[in-house]
Amino acid sequence: MDLTGARWRKSSKSGNNGGDCVEVVDNLAGVVGVRDSKDPAGPTLAFDPAAWTRFLAMAKRG
C-alpha cells in the first residue's frame, strides 16, 4: 500500500487513555489506513472507503 502523502490523525474517540490510540488516514484516493499510534512504523490495516464507512456505522451501533 502506497501511503505517500498520508496525513494521519488520531481518532476523536481515543482521548487521553495512556497512549492507546488509533490513527486513521483518509486523504488518499481509494483507501483508508488504520494503525496503532504507539507503533507508526508497524503494520497498517487498509480498508476500501465503503467498507470503512460500514465498519464505523456498525461500531457506532455497538
Protein backbone atom coordinates (compact mmCIF):
# COMPACT_ATOMS: atom_id res chain seq x y z
CA MET A 1 0.00 0.00 0.00
CA ASP A 2 1.43 3.35 -1.05
CA LEU A 3 0.99 5.83 1.80
CA THR A 4 2.88 8.68 0.14
CA GLY A 5 1.15 11.90 1.17
CA ALA A 6 -0.76 10.28 4.03
CA ARG A 7 -1.96 12.66 6.75
CA TRP A 8 -2.51 10.56 9.85
CA ARG A 9 -4.89 11.74 12.56
CA LYS A 10 -5.87 10.28 15.90
CA SER A 11 -9.38 9.09 16.37
CA SER A 12 -11.57 11.65 18.09
CA LYS A 13 -12.65 8.82 20.43
CA SER A 14 -9.09 7.95 21.54
CA GLY A 15 -8.87 10.62 24.24
CA ASN A 16 -6.06 10.56 26.77
CA ASN A 17 -6.02 6.90 27.71
CA GLY A 18 -2.32 6.29 28.19
CA GLY A 19 -1.37 6.25 24.53
CA ASP A 20 -3.75 3.52 23.38
CA CYS A 21 -4.77 5.39 20.25
CA VAL A 22 -5.83 4.54 16.75
CA GLU A 23 -4.69 6.72 13.87
CA VAL A 24 -6.54 6.93 10.57
CA VAL A 25 -5.53 8.26 7.16
CA ASP A 26 -8.43 9.06 4.87
CA ASN A 27 -6.97 11.63 2.50
CA LEU A 28 -5.77 9.06 -0.06
CA ALA A 29 -7.91 8.01 -3.01
CA GLY A 30 -9.45 4.57 -2.71
CA VAL A 31 -8.03 3.54 0.66
CA VAL A 32 -8.47 4.20 4.38
CA GLY A 33 -5.46 3.26 6.50
CA VAL A 34 -5.57 2.43 10.22
CA ARG A 35 -2.60 1.98 12.55
CA ASP A 36 -1.57 1.92 16.20
CA SER A 37 -0.21 5.33 17.21
CA LYS A 38 2.34 3.67 19.51
CA ASP A 39 3.87 1.84 16.53
CA PRO A 40 3.71 4.17 13.50
CA ALA A 41 6.27 2.07 11.60
CA GLY A 42 4.33 -1.12 12.33
CA PRO A 43 1.57 -2.78 10.35
CA THR A 44 -1.24 -0.79 8.78
CA LEU A 45 -4.70 -2.08 8.03
CA ALA A 46 -6.16 -0.98 4.70
CA PHE A 47 -9.88 -0.65 4.02
CA ASP A 48 -11.92 0.20 0.97
CA PRO A 49 -13.66 3.51 1.84
CA ALA A 50 -17.12 1.93 1.57
CA ALA A 51 -16.09 -0.92 3.89
CA TRP A 52 -14.68 1.60 6.38
CA THR A 53 -17.95 3.55 6.34
CA ARG A 54 -19.90 0.35 7.03
CA PHE A 55 -17.49 -0.57 9.85
CA LEU A 56 -17.93 2.83 11.50
CA ALA A 57 -21.72 2.62 11.24
CA MET A 58 -21.70 -0.82 12.87
CA ALA A 59 -19.28 0.30 15.60
CA LYS A 60 -21.49 3.29 16.44
CA ARG A 61 -24.46 0.95 16.85
CA GLY A 62 -22.48 -1.18 19.27
